[in-house]
Every structure is written in structure tokens, then in C-alpha cells.
Protein backbone atom coordinates (compact mmCIF):
# COMPACT_ATOMS: atom_id res chain seq x y z
CA MET A 1 78.60 -48.05 -59.57
CA TRP A 2 79.84 -46.82 -62.96
CA LEU A 3 79.43 -43.19 -61.88
CA ILE A 4 81.68 -43.67 -58.85
CA GLU A 5 84.31 -45.33 -61.03
CA GLU A 6 84.16 -42.55 -63.64
CA LEU A 7 84.44 -39.83 -60.98
CA GLN A 8 87.40 -41.56 -59.34
CA ARG A 9 89.15 -41.89 -62.71
CA ALA A 10 88.74 -38.12 -63.00
CA GLY A 11 90.42 -37.68 -59.60
CA VAL A 12 87.31 -37.14 -57.49
CA ALA A 13 87.33 -38.55 -53.95
CA ILE A 14 83.90 -39.83 -52.88
CA HIS A 15 82.93 -39.48 -49.21
CA VAL A 16 79.78 -40.39 -47.32
CA CYS A 17 78.75 -39.35 -43.81
CA SER A 18 78.42 -42.18 -41.30
CA HIS A 19 75.49 -40.37 -39.69
CA ALA A 20 73.68 -40.26 -43.04
CA LEU A 21 74.29 -43.98 -43.48
CA ALA A 22 72.83 -44.70 -40.05
CA ASN A 23 69.85 -42.41 -40.66
CA GLN A 24 69.08 -44.20 -43.93
CA LYS A 25 69.73 -47.62 -42.31
CA ILE A 26 72.53 -48.41 -44.77
CA GLU A 27 75.19 -50.81 -43.51
CA ARG A 28 78.85 -49.85 -43.92
CA ASN A 29 79.53 -53.03 -45.88
CA ASP A 30 76.86 -51.96 -48.42
CA VAL A 31 78.92 -48.89 -49.36
CA ALA A 32 81.14 -49.24 -52.45
CA LYS A 33 84.65 -50.27 -51.43
CA ASP A 34 86.32 -47.14 -52.79
CA VAL A 35 83.96 -44.72 -51.03
CA MET A 36 85.42 -43.18 -47.86
CA ILE A 37 83.12 -43.19 -44.84
CA ASP A 38 83.63 -40.04 -42.78
CA LEU A 39 82.67 -39.79 -39.13
CA ALA A 40 80.54 -36.71 -39.78
CA ALA A 41 80.03 -34.55 -42.86
CA MET A 42 80.23 -31.36 -40.80
CA VAL A 43 83.71 -32.30 -39.52
CA THR A 44 84.88 -33.10 -43.05
CA LEU A 45 83.49 -29.80 -44.37
CA ALA A 46 85.14 -27.83 -41.56
CA ASN A 47 88.50 -29.51 -42.21
CA LEU A 48 88.28 -28.79 -45.93
CA GLN A 49 87.42 -25.14 -45.23
CA LEU A 50 90.51 -24.89 -43.01
CA LYS A 51 92.52 -26.07 -46.02
CA GLY A 52 91.11 -23.28 -48.18
CA TRP A 53 88.13 -24.98 -49.81
CA ALA A 54 84.75 -23.23 -49.78
CA VAL A 55 81.20 -24.49 -49.43
CA ILE A 56 78.82 -23.07 -52.00
CA PRO A 57 75.29 -23.49 -50.66
CA GLY A 58 72.84 -24.75 -53.21
């Protein structure tokens, strides 16, 4: 939990994919309260790319 708090203090928004949660059998109420649950990671990534962000494959 401390890592999420430190990242948020630095201005980082934390997101998690609802499909990933379901695949890992993690309940929504088990996710830290300040973490945003997105409908799908691919939708979030596409929207960010439309705003000028880039995905750097790793």
C-alpha cells in the first residue's frame, strides 16, 4: 500500500483493468480505494494515445 501512496503523492494516477481483476479473481472491494478501476486496459490505452501519450512496449 505504501507504494501506491508514494506514487500518488508524486502525481501518478493508478489504474487497474476490470478484466484483469476478474481473470485473477480479485474483487473490486479488495482494490485500494484510490486505485481507479477501468473497464478495459485497451480502451484506456487507446484514449491516452488519442491525447498524445505513447505506449512503449517492453
